[in-house]
PDB file of N, CA and C in Angstrom:
ATOM      1  N   MET A   1     -11.323  -1.968 -76.857  1.00  0.00           N
ATOM      2  CA  MET A   1     -10.470  -0.914 -77.353  1.00  0.00           C
ATOM      3  C   MET A   1     -10.912   0.414 -76.727  1.00  0.00           C
ATOM      4  N   ALA A   2      -9.934   1.160 -76.236  1.00  0.00           N
ATOM      5  CA  ALA A   2     -10.312   2.437 -75.579  1.00  0.00           C
ATOM      6  C   ALA A   2     -10.710   3.452 -76.589  1.00  0.00           C
ATOM      7  N   ARG A   3     -11.675   4.240 -76.213  1.00  0.00           N
ATOM      8  CA  ARG A   3     -12.122   5.359 -77.069  1.00  0.00           C
ATOM      9  C   ARG A   3     -11.606   6.649 -76.456  1.00  0.00           C
ATOM     10  N   TYR A   4     -10.734   7.289 -77.185  1.00  0.00           N
ATOM     11  CA  TYR A   4     -10.147   8.525 -76.683  1.00  0.00           C
ATOM     12  C   TYR A   4     -11.059   9.750 -76.982  1.00  0.00           C
ATOM     13  N   GLN A   5     -10.954  10.713 -76.119  1.00  0.00           N
ATOM     14  CA  GLN A   5     -11.634  11.957 -76.334  1.00  0.00           C
ATOM     15  C   GLN A   5     -10.696  13.016 -76.888  1.00  0.00           C
ATOM     16  N   ILE A   6     -11.233  14.121 -77.335  1.00  0.00           N
ATOM     17  CA  ILE A   6     -10.462  15.219 -77.897  1.00  0.00           C
ATOM     18  C   ILE A   6     -10.778  16.462 -77.036  1.00  0.00           C
ATOM     19  N   ALA A   7      -9.697  17.140 -76.621  1.00  0.00           N
ATOM     20  CA  ALA A   7      -9.814  18.324 -75.813  1.00  0.00           C
ATOM     21  C   ALA A   7      -9.229  19.546 -76.542  1.00  0.00           C
ATOM     22  N   VAL A   8      -9.698  20.709 -76.120  1.00  0.00           N
ATOM     23  CA  VAL A   8      -9.160  22.025 -76.639  1.00  0.00           C
ATOM     24  C   VAL A   8      -8.884  22.896 -75.463  1.00  0.00           C
ATOM     25  N   ILE A   9      -7.666  23.391 -75.386  1.00  0.00           N
ATOM     26  CA  ILE A   9      -7.268  24.362 -74.309  1.00  0.00           C
ATOM     27  C   ILE A   9      -6.869  25.644 -74.923  1.00  0.00           C
ATOM     28  N   GLY A  10      -7.479  26.734 -74.419  1.00  0.00           N
ATOM     29  CA  GLY A  10      -7.183  28.108 -74.917  1.00  0.00           C
ATOM     30  C   GLY A  10      -8.045  29.103 -74.264  1.00  0.00           C
ATOM     31  N   ASP A  11      -7.884  30.327 -74.744  1.00  0.00           N
ATOM     32  CA  ASP A  11      -8.774  31.393 -74.189  1.00  0.00           C
ATOM     33  C   ASP A  11     -10.231  31.118 -74.598  1.00  0.00           C
ATOM     34  N   LYS A  12     -11.114  31.674 -73.824  1.00  0.00           N
ATOM     35  CA  LYS A  12     -12.540  31.373 -74.016  1.00  0.00           C
ATOM     36  C   LYS A  12     -13.038  31.631 -75.416  1.00  0.00           C
ATOM     37  N   ASP A  13     -12.654  32.681 -76.007  1.00  0.00           N
ATOM     38  CA  ASP A  13     -13.090  33.028 -77.394  1.00  0.00           C
ATOM     39  C   ASP A  13     -12.589  32.041 -78.421  1.00  0.00           C
ATOM     40  N   SER A  14     -11.410  31.493 -78.207  1.00  0.00           N
ATOM     41  CA  SER A  14     -10.834  30.570 -79.170  1.00  0.00           C
ATOM     42  C   SER A  14     -11.409  29.158 -79.077  1.00  0.00           C
ATOM     43  N   VAL A  15     -11.867  28.740 -77.886  1.00  0.00           N
ATOM     44  CA  VAL A  15     -12.282  27.350 -77.716  1.00  0.00           C
ATOM     45  C   VAL A  15     -13.791  27.122 -77.772  1.00  0.00           C
ATOM     46  N   LEU A  16     -14.593  28.214 -77.642  1.00  0.00           N
ATOM     47  CA  LEU A  16     -15.994  28.014 -77.581  1.00  0.00           C
ATOM     48  C   LEU A  16     -16.621  27.385 -78.817  1.00  0.00           C
ATOM     49  N   GLY A  17     -16.147  27.649 -79.990  1.00  0.00           N
ATOM     50  CA  GLY A  17     -16.698  27.025 -81.197  1.00  0.00           C
ATOM     51  C   GLY A  17     -16.473  25.549 -81.221  1.00  0.00           C
ATOM     52  N   PHE A  18     -15.405  25.024 -80.577  1.00  0.00           N
ATOM     53  CA  PHE A  18     -15.152  23.588 -80.593  1.00  0.00           C
ATOM     54  C   PHE A  18     -16.143  22.838 -79.737  1.00  0.00           C
ATOM     55  N   LYS A  19     -16.761  23.497 -78.799  1.00  0.00           N
ATOM     56  CA  LYS A  19     -17.773  22.878 -77.937  1.00  0.00           C
ATOM     57  C   LYS A  19     -18.962  22.401 -78.758  1.00  0.00           C
ATOM     58  N   ALA A  20     -19.308  23.251 -79.774  1.00  0.00           N
ATOM     59  CA  ALA A  20     -20.470  22.945 -80.672  1.00  0.00           C
ATOM     60  C   ALA A  20     -20.152  21.640 -81.436  1.00  0.00           C
ATOM     61  N   LEU A  21     -18.910  21.373 -81.622  1.00  0.00           N
ATOM     62  CA  LEU A  21     -18.510  20.153 -82.388  1.00  0.00           C
ATOM     63  C   LEU A  21     -18.431  18.906 -81.476  1.00  0.00           C
ATOM     64  N   GLY A  22     -18.711  19.098 -80.199  1.00  0.00           N
ATOM     65  CA  GLY A  22     -18.712  17.975 -79.250  1.00  0.00           C
ATOM     66  C   GLY A  22     -17.357  17.721 -78.594  1.00  0.00           C
ATOM     67  N   LEU A  23     -16.384  18.607 -78.800  1.00  0.00           N
ATOM     68  CA  LEU A  23     -15.082  18.435 -78.150  1.00  0.00           C
ATOM     69  C   LEU A  23     -15.126  19.004 -76.741  1.00  0.00           C
ATOM     70  N   ALA A  24     -14.346  18.436 -75.878  1.00  0.00           N
ATOM     71  CA  ALA A  24     -14.254  18.975 -74.502  1.00  0.00           C
ATOM     72  C   ALA A  24     -13.394  20.198 -74.564  1.00  0.00           C
ATOM     73  N   THR A  25     -13.907  21.304 -73.994  1.00  0.00           N
ATOM     74  CA  THR A  25     -13.280  22.548 -73.999  1.00  0.00           C
ATOM     75  C   THR A  25     -12.797  22.989 -72.646  1.00  0.00           C
ATOM     76  N   PHE A  26     -11.603  23.550 -72.590  1.00  0.00           N
ATOM     77  CA  PHE A  26     -11.020  23.979 -71.285  1.00  0.00           C
ATOM     78  C   PHE A  26     -10.558  25.426 -71.469  1.00  0.00           C
ATOM     79  N   PRO A  27     -11.497  26.378 -71.273  1.00  0.00           N
ATOM     80  CA  PRO A  27     -11.065  27.784 -71.357  1.00  0.00           C
ATOM     81  C   PRO A  27     -10.159  28.136 -70.178  1.00  0.00           C
ATOM     82  N   VAL A  28      -9.070  28.813 -70.473  1.00  0.00           N
ATOM     83  CA  VAL A  28      -8.143  29.207 -69.398  1.00  0.00           C
ATOM     84  C   VAL A  28      -7.823  30.711 -69.562  1.00  0.00           C
ATOM     85  N   ASP A  29      -7.397  31.300 -68.429  1.00  0.00           N
ATOM     86  CA  ASP A  29      -7.107  32.730 -68.480  1.00  0.00           C
ATOM     87  C   ASP A  29      -5.604  33.027 -68.362  1.00  0.00           C
ATOM     88  N   SER A  30      -4.765  31.990 -68.128  1.00  0.00           N
ATOM     89  CA  SER A  30      -3.344  32.266 -67.960  1.00  0.00           C
ATOM     90  C   SER A  30      -2.560  31.015 -68.389  1.00  0.00           C
ATOM     91  N   VAL A  31      -1.286  31.245 -68.628  1.00  0.00           N
ATOM     92  CA  VAL A  31      -0.349  30.148 -68.942  1.00  0.00           C
ATOM     93  C   VAL A  31      -0.302  29.141 -67.837  1.00  0.00           C
ATOM     94  N   ASP A  32      -0.231  29.621 -66.547  1.00  0.00           N
ATOM     95  CA  ASP A  32      -0.189  28.711 -65.460  1.00  0.00           C
ATOM     96  C   ASP A  32      -1.412  27.815 -65.381  1.00  0.00           C
ATOM     97  N   GLN A  33      -2.543  28.374 -65.615  1.00  0.00           N
ATOM     98  CA  GLN A  33      -3.788  27.634 -65.660  1.00  0.00           C
ATOM     99  C   GLN A  33      -3.796  26.593 -66.805  1.00  0.00           C
ATOM    100  N   ALA A  34      -3.241  27.005 -67.940  1.00  0.00           N
ATOM    101  CA  ALA A  34      -3.145  26.116 -69.101  1.00  0.00           C
ATOM    102  C   ALA A  34      -2.206  24.895 -68.748  1.00  0.00           C
ATOM    103  N   ARG A  35      -1.052  25.218 -68.088  1.00  0.00           N
ATOM    104  CA  ARG A  35      -0.133  24.115 -67.678  1.00  0.00           C
ATOM    105  C   ARG A  35      -0.822  23.113 -66.797  1.00  0.00           C
ATOM    106  N   THR A  36      -1.540  23.590 -65.802  1.00  0.00           N
ATOM    107  CA  THR A  36      -2.170  22.713 -64.836  1.00  0.00           C
ATOM    108  C   THR A  36      -3.250  21.874 -65.578  1.00  0.00           C
ATOM    109  N   THR A  37      -4.021  22.545 -66.438  1.00  0.00           N
ATOM    110  CA  THR A  37      -5.054  21.813 -67.198  1.00  0.00           C
ATOM    111  C   THR A  37      -4.408  20.811 -68.122  1.00  0.00           C
ATOM    112  N   LEU A  38      -3.396  21.154 -68.836  1.00  0.00           N
ATOM    113  CA  LEU A  38      -2.727  20.189 -69.731  1.00  0.00           C
ATOM    114  C   LEU A  38      -2.276  18.965 -68.974  1.00  0.00           C
ATOM    115  N   HIS A  39      -1.576  19.135 -67.870  1.00  0.00           N
ATOM    116  CA  HIS A  39      -1.048  17.976 -67.125  1.00  0.00           C
ATOM    117  C   HIS A  39      -2.175  17.148 -66.504  1.00  0.00           C
ATOM    118  N   THR A  40      -3.243  17.802 -66.117  1.00  0.00           N
ATOM    119  CA  THR A  40      -4.374  17.047 -65.525  1.00  0.00           C
ATOM    120  C   THR A  40      -5.095  16.209 -66.579  1.00  0.00           C
ATOM    121  N   ILE A  41      -5.415  16.821 -67.745  1.00  0.00           N
ATOM    122  CA  ILE A  41      -6.164  16.045 -68.743  1.00  0.00           C
ATOM    123  C   ILE A  41      -5.298  15.067 -69.473  1.00  0.00           C
ATOM    124  N   ALA A  42      -3.986  15.291 -69.484  1.00  0.00           N
ATOM    125  CA  ALA A  42      -3.111  14.342 -70.158  1.00  0.00           C
ATOM    126  C   ALA A  42      -3.096  12.984 -69.456  1.00  0.00           C
ATOM    127  N   LYS A  43      -3.459  12.992 -68.173  1.00  0.00           N
ATOM    128  CA  LYS A  43      -3.512  11.734 -67.365  1.00  0.00           C
ATOM    129  C   LYS A  43      -4.882  11.067 -67.628  1.00  0.00           C
ATOM    130  N   GLU A  44      -5.808  11.767 -68.237  1.00  0.00           N
ATOM    131  CA  GLU A  44      -7.135  11.174 -68.450  1.00  0.00           C
ATOM    132  C   GLU A  44      -7.216  10.559 -69.859  1.00  0.00           C
ATOM    133  N   ASN A  45      -8.351  10.260 -70.336  1.00  0.00           N
ATOM    134  CA  ASN A  45      -8.548   9.501 -71.566  1.00  0.00           C
ATOM    135  C   ASN A  45      -8.632  10.403 -72.817  1.00  0.00           C
ATOM    136  N   TYR A  46      -7.668  11.289 -72.979  1.00  0.00           N
ATOM    137  CA  TYR A  46      -7.680  12.200 -74.152  1.00  0.00           C
ATOM    138  C   TYR A  46      -6.555  11.752 -75.084  1.00  0.00           C
ATOM    139  N   GLY A  47      -6.911  11.480 -76.295  1.00  0.00           N
ATOM    140  CA  GLY A  47      -5.976  11.082 -77.318  1.00  0.00           C
ATOM    141  C   GLY A  47      -5.347  12.264 -78.012  1.00  0.00           C
ATOM    142  N   ILE A  48      -6.127  13.332 -78.157  1.00  0.00           N
ATOM    143  CA  ILE A  48      -5.722  14.546 -78.859  1.00  0.00           C
ATOM    144  C   ILE A  48      -6.027  15.763 -77.960  1.00  0.00           C
ATOM    145  N   ILE A  49      -5.073  16.613 -77.800  1.00  0.00           N
ATOM    146  CA  ILE A  49      -5.299  17.832 -77.108  1.00  0.00           C
ATOM    147  C   ILE A  49      -4.869  19.040 -78.053  1.00  0.00           C
ATOM    148  N   TYR A  50      -5.797  19.830 -78.421  1.00  0.00           N
ATOM    149  CA  TYR A  50      -5.519  21.023 -79.264  1.00  0.00           C
ATOM    150  C   TYR A  50      -5.202  22.118 -78.235  1.00  0.00           C
ATOM    151  N   LEU A  51      -4.163  22.884 -78.526  1.00  0.00           N
ATOM    152  CA  LEU A  51      -3.712  23.972 -77.695  1.00  0.00           C
ATOM    153  C   LEU A  51      -3.418  25.167 -78.517  1.00  0.00           C
ATOM    154  N   THR A  52      -3.866  26.351 -78.102  1.00  0.00           N
ATOM    155  CA  THR A  52      -3.663  27.539 -78.896  1.00  0.00           C
ATOM    156  C   THR A  52      -2.192  27.884 -78.942  1.00  0.00           C
ATOM    157  N   GLU A  53      -1.752  28.423 -80.062  1.00  0.00           N
ATOM    158  CA  GLU A  53      -0.340  28.815 -80.214  1.00  0.00           C
ATOM    159  C   GLU A  53       0.085  29.867 -79.212  1.00  0.00           C
ATOM    160  N   THR A  54      -0.793  30.752 -78.880  1.00  0.00           N
ATOM    161  CA  THR A  54      -0.493  31.832 -77.951  1.00  0.00           C
ATOM    162  C   THR A  54      -0.007  31.250 -76.586  1.00  0.00           C
ATOM    163  N   LEU A  55      -0.751  30.230 -76.118  1.00  0.00           N
ATOM    164  CA  LEU A  55      -0.353  29.569 -74.845  1.00  0.00           C
ATOM    165  C   LEU A  55       0.889  28.724 -75.044  1.00  0.00           C
ATOM    166  N   ALA A  56       0.942  28.017 -76.149  1.00  0.00           N
ATOM    167  CA  ALA A  56       2.001  27.082 -76.408  1.00  0.00           C
ATOM    168  C   ALA A  56       3.364  27.851 -76.473  1.00  0.00           C
ATOM    169  N   ALA A  57       3.383  29.070 -76.874  1.00  0.00           N
ATOM    170  CA  ALA A  57       4.664  29.842 -76.963  1.00  0.00           C
ATOM    171  C   ALA A  57       5.345  29.923 -75.627  1.00  0.00           C
ATOM    172  N   SER A  58       4.638  29.822 -74.502  1.00  0.00           N
ATOM    173  CA  SER A  58       5.196  29.900 -73.171  1.00  0.00           C
ATOM    174  C   SER A  58       5.256  28.530 -72.469  1.00  0.00           C
ATOM    175  N   MET A  59       4.934  27.484 -73.220  1.00  0.00           N
ATOM    176  CA  MET A  59       4.894  26.145 -72.597  1.00  0.00           C
ATOM    177  C   MET A  59       5.747  25.083 -73.272  1.00  0.00           C
ATOM    178  N   ASP A  60       6.894  25.509 -73.848  1.00  0.00           N
ATOM    179  CA  ASP A  60       7.721  24.539 -74.552  1.00  0.00           C
ATOM    180  C   ASP A  60       8.047  23.305 -73.730  1.00  0.00           C
ATOM    181  N   SER A  61       8.516  23.463 -72.513  1.00  0.00           N
ATOM    182  CA  SER A  61       8.914  22.280 -71.725  1.00  0.00           C
ATOM    183  C   SER A  61       7.709  21.444 -71.326  1.00  0.00           C
ATOM    184  N   ASP A  62       6.587  22.047 -71.156  1.00  0.00           N
ATOM    185  CA  ASP A  62       5.376  21.256 -70.830  1.00  0.00           C
ATOM    186  C   ASP A  62       4.948  20.378 -72.025  1.00  0.00           C
ATOM    187  N   ILE A  63       5.007  20.935 -73.242  1.00  0.00           N
ATOM    188  CA  ILE A  63       4.668  20.256 -74.464  1.00  0.00           C
ATOM    189  C   ILE A  63       5.675  19.153 -74.759  1.00  0.00           C
ATOM    190  N   ALA A  64       6.937  19.472 -74.547  1.00  0.00           N
ATOM    191  CA  ALA A  64       8.013  18.530 -74.882  1.00  0.00           C
ATOM    192  C   ALA A  64       7.859  17.257 -74.017  1.00  0.00           C
ATOM    193  N   ARG A  65       7.284  17.401 -72.861  1.00  0.00           N
ATOM    194  CA  ARG A  65       7.147  16.234 -71.889  1.00  0.00           C
ATOM    195  C   ARG A  65       6.269  15.124 -72.578  1.00  0.00           C
ATOM    196  N   TYR A  66       5.390  15.497 -73.483  1.00  0.00           N
ATOM    197  CA  TYR A  66       4.520  14.559 -74.100  1.00  0.00           C
ATOM    198  C   TYR A  66       4.892  14.242 -75.602  1.00  0.00           C
ATOM    199  N   LYS A  67       5.928  14.858 -76.021  1.00  0.00           N
ATOM    200  CA  LYS A  67       6.392  14.773 -77.466  1.00  0.00           C
ATOM    201  C   LYS A  67       6.557  13.303 -77.966  1.00  0.00           C
ATOM    202  N   ASP A  68       7.166  12.472 -77.128  1.00  0.00           N
ATOM    203  CA  ASP A  68       7.424  11.081 -77.582  1.00  0.00           C
ATOM    204  C   ASP A  68       6.407  10.064 -77.083  1.00  0.00           C
ATOM    205  N   SER A  69       5.371  10.540 -76.437  1.00  0.00           N
ATOM    206  CA  SER A  69       4.324   9.676 -75.903  1.00  0.00           C
ATOM    207  C   SER A  69       3.317   9.422 -77.009  1.00  0.00           C
ATOM    208  N   LEU A  70       2.757   8.181 -76.982  1.00  0.00           N
ATOM    209  CA  LEU A  70       1.714   7.871 -77.931  1.00  0.00           C
ATOM    210  C   LEU A  70       0.487   8.734 -77.797  1.00  0.00           C
ATOM    211  N   THR A  71       0.078   8.906 -76.560  1.00  0.00           N
ATOM    212  CA  THR A  71      -1.064   9.798 -76.235  1.00  0.00           C
ATOM    213  C   THR A  71      -0.700  10.606 -75.025  1.00  0.00           C
ATOM    214  N   PRO A  72      -1.163  11.836 -74.935  1.00  0.00           N
ATOM    215  CA  PRO A  72      -1.965  12.527 -75.903  1.00  0.00           C
ATOM    216  C   PRO A  72      -1.075  13.184 -76.943  1.00  0.00           C
ATOM    217  N   ALA A  73      -1.600  13.320 -78.138  1.00  0.00           N
ATOM    218  CA  ALA A  73      -0.984  14.082 -79.215  1.00  0.00           C
ATOM    219  C   ALA A  73      -1.388  15.566 -78.996  1.00  0.00           C
ATOM    220  N   ILE A  74      -0.374  16.418 -78.861  1.00  0.00           N
ATOM    221  CA  ILE A  74      -0.700  17.842 -78.640  1.00  0.00           C
ATOM    222  C   ILE A  74      -0.474  18.577 -79.896  1.00  0.00           C
ATOM    223  N   ILE A  75      -1.582  19.156 -80.434  1.00  0.00           N
ATOM    224  CA  ILE A  75      -1.554  19.844 -81.712  1.00  0.00           C
ATOM    225  C   ILE A  75      -1.842  21.292 -81.463  1.00  0.00           C
ATOM    226  N   LEU A  76      -0.961  22.153 -82.011  1.00  0.00           N
ATOM    227  CA  LEU A  76      -1.123  23.562 -81.860  1.00  0.00           C
ATOM    228  C   LEU A  76      -2.078  24.157 -82.918  1.00  0.00           C
ATOM    229  N   ILE A  77      -2.935  25.032 -82.491  1.00  0.00           N
ATOM    230  CA  ILE A  77      -3.878  25.673 -83.383  1.00  0.00           C
ATOM    231  C   ILE A  77      -3.820  27.167 -83.202  1.00  0.00           C
ATOM    232  N   PRO A  78      -4.180  27.952 -84.218  1.00  0.00           N
ATOM    233  CA  PRO A  78      -4.181  29.416 -84.070  1.00  0.00           C
ATOM    234  C   PRO A  78      -5.286  29.774 -83.071  1.00  0.00           C
ATOM    235  N   GLY A  79      -5.045  30.859 -82.317  1.00  0.00           N
ATOM    236  CA  GLY A  79      -6.060  31.364 -81.436  1.00  0.00           C
ATOM    237  C   GLY A  79      -6.801  32.505 -82.116  1.00  0.00           C
ATOM    238  N   LYS A  80      -7.528  33.257 -81.338  1.00  0.00           N
ATOM    239  CA  LYS A  80      -8.289  34.359 -81.887  1.00  0.00           C
ATOM    240  C   LYS A  80      -7.414  35.413 -82.515  1.00  0.00           C
ATOM    241  N   GLU A  81      -6.125  35.467 -82.120  1.00  0.00           N
ATOM    242  CA  GLU A  81      -5.189  36.463 -82.636  1.00  0.00           C
ATOM    243  C   GLU A  81      -4.688  36.068 -84.064  1.00  0.00           C
ATOM    244  N   GLY A  82      -4.968  34.875 -84.429  1.00  0.00           N
ATOM    245  CA  GLY A  82      -4.440  34.379 -85.744  1.00  0.00           C
ATOM    246  C   GLY A  82      -3.205  33.485 -85.569  1.00  0.00           C
ATOM    247  N   SER A  83      -2.724  32.995 -86.651  1.00  0.00           N
ATOM    248  CA  SER A  83      -1.590  32.088 -86.574  1.00  0.00           C
ATOM    249  C   SER A  83      -0.291  32.800 -86.330  1.00  0.00           C
ATOM    250  N   GLN A  84       0.541  32.169 -85.463  1.00  0.00           N
ATOM    251  CA  GLN A  84       1.900  32.668 -85.212  1.00  0.00           C
ATOM    252  C   GLN A  84       2.937  31.819 -85.915  1.00  0.00           C
ATOM    253  N   GLY A  85       2.519  30.778 -86.585  1.00  0.00           N
ATOM    254  CA  GLY A  85       3.420  29.914 -87.320  1.00  0.00           C
ATOM    255  C   GLY A  85       4.057  28.814 -86.465  1.00  0.00           C
ATOM    256  N   ILE A  86       3.765  28.790 -85.166  1.00  0.00           N
ATOM    257  CA  ILE A  86       4.404  27.785 -84.310  1.00  0.00           C
ATOM    258  C   ILE A  86       3.956  26.410 -84.644  1.00  0.00           C
ATOM    259  N   GLY A  87       2.672  26.190 -84.924  1.00  0.00           N
ATOM    260  CA  GLY A  87       2.143  24.893 -85.244  1.00  0.00           C
ATOM    261  C   GLY A  87       2.775  24.310 -86.463  1.00  0.00           C
ATOM    262  N   MET A  88       2.926  25.126 -87.532  1.00  0.00           N
ATOM    263  CA  MET A  88       3.526  24.664 -88.768  1.00  0.00           C
ATOM    264  C   MET A  88       4.979  24.386 -88.571  1.00  0.00           C
ATOM    265  N   ARG A  89       5.724  25.116 -87.781  1.00  0.00           N
ATOM    266  CA  ARG A  89       7.142  24.841 -87.487  1.00  0.00           C
ATOM    267  C   ARG A  89       7.269  23.537 -86.841  1.00  0.00           C
ATOM    268  N   ASN A  90       6.342  23.222 -85.872  1.00  0.00           N
ATOM    269  CA  ASN A  90       6.366  21.936 -85.144  1.00  0.00           C
ATOM    270  C   ASN A  90       6.137  20.806 -86.106  1.00  0.00           C
ATOM    271  N   ILE A  91       5.193  20.943 -87.036  1.00  0.00           N
ATOM    272  CA  ILE A  91       4.886  19.921 -87.993  1.00  0.00           C
ATOM    273  C   ILE A  91       6.120  19.661 -88.875  1.00  0.00           C
ATOM    274  N   LYS A  92       6.742  20.708 -89.358  1.00  0.00           N
ATOM    275  CA  LYS A  92       7.944  20.558 -90.174  1.00  0.00           C
ATOM    276  C   LYS A  92       9.049  19.806 -89.436  1.00  0.00           C
ATOM    277  N   LYS A  93       9.233  20.153 -88.167  1.00  0.00           N
ATOM    278  CA  LYS A  93      10.252  19.465 -87.337  1.00  0.00           C
ATOM    279  C   LYS A  93       9.931  17.979 -87.192  1.00  0.00           C
ATOM    280  N   ALA A  94       8.681  17.633 -86.943  1.00  0.00           N
ATOM    281  CA  ALA A  94       8.262  16.281 -86.795  1.00  0.00           C
ATOM    282  C   ALA A  94       8.454  15.491 -88.062  1.00  0.00           C
ATOM    283  N   VAL A  95       8.082  16.070 -89.195  1.00  0.00           N
ATOM    284  CA  VAL A  95       8.299  15.426 -90.483  1.00  0.00           C
ATOM    285  C   VAL A  95       9.751  15.208 -90.785  1.00  0.00           C
ATOM    286  N   GLU A  96      10.537  16.259 -90.510  1.00  0.00           N
ATOM    287  CA  GLU A  96      11.965  16.105 -90.747  1.00  0.00           C
ATOM    288  C   GLU A  96      12.566  15.038 -89.857  1.00  0.00           C
ATOM    289  N   ARG A  97      12.143  14.950 -88.659  1.00  0.00           N
ATOM    290  CA  ARG A  97      12.620  13.910 -87.719  1.00  0.00           C
ATOM    291  C   ARG A  97      12.249  12.535 -88.199  1.00  0.00           C
ATOM    292  N   ALA A  98      11.047  12.402 -88.707  1.00  0.00           N
ATOM    293  CA  ALA A  98      10.587  11.096 -89.172  1.00  0.00           C
ATOM    294  C   ALA A  98      11.163  10.675 -90.486  1.00  0.00           C
ATOM    295  N   VAL A  99      11.309  11.599 -91.406  1.00  0.00           N
ATOM    296  CA  VAL A  99      11.778  11.301 -92.757  1.00  0.00           C
ATOM    297  C   VAL A  99      13.266  11.465 -92.888  1.00  0.00           C
ATOM    298  N   GLY A 100      13.856  12.400 -92.139  1.00  0.00           N
ATOM    299  CA  GLY A 100      15.296  12.642 -92.262  1.00  0.00           C
ATOM    300  C   GLY A 100      15.665  13.834 -93.089  1.00  0.00           C
ATOM    301  N   ALA A 101      14.622  14.490 -93.645  1.00  0.00           N
ATOM    302  CA  ALA A 101      14.855  15.674 -94.484  1.00  0.00           C
ATOM    303  C   ALA A 101      13.604  16.549 -94.448  1.00  0.00           C
ATOM    304  N   ASP A 102      13.800  17.815 -94.739  1.00  0.00           N
ATOM    305  CA  ASP A 102      12.675  18.735 -94.769  1.00  0.00           C
ATOM    306  C   ASP A 102      11.986  18.583 -96.134  1.00  0.00           C
ATOM    307  N   ILE A 103      10.885  17.948 -96.197  1.00  0.00           N
ATOM    308  CA  ILE A 103      10.121  17.680 -97.479  1.00  0.00           C
ATOM    309  C   ILE A 103       9.006  18.640 -97.613  1.00  0.00           C
ATOM    310  N   LEU A 104       8.742  19.505 -96.610  1.00  0.00           N
ATOM    311  CA  LEU A 104       7.667  20.470 -96.737  1.00  0.00           C
ATOM    312  C   LEU A 104       8.265  21.779 -97.170  1.00  0.00           C
TER     313      LEU A 104
END
C-alpha cells in the first residue's frame, strides 16, 4: 500500500510552522510559482496538498483540475492574513454536491 505525503504551499510565513510538524513545505513568492509547484507535486506521491486561500483565490482553474481526482486532495487553509472564507465555501459546495442539500 502506498504511503502518501502531505504538502503545504503558501507564502514563507504561512508554511514554516508546518515544517515543524513534518509536512513537506513549498514556500512560494507568486501565484505563477504556486501553479508550477502545485502541478509538479500533484504528479508525485502527495495525498493531501494544503494551499493558502490567498493563492487559491487566483488559481480556480488549477484547483478544479484535481477536484474529481482521488489524489491529491487540495485543501484550502488561511494564510498569515487570516481566513477569506474560500475554504469554508468550498467545503459547503462539496457537501452539497455529495448530499444534495446544504446541511451546513
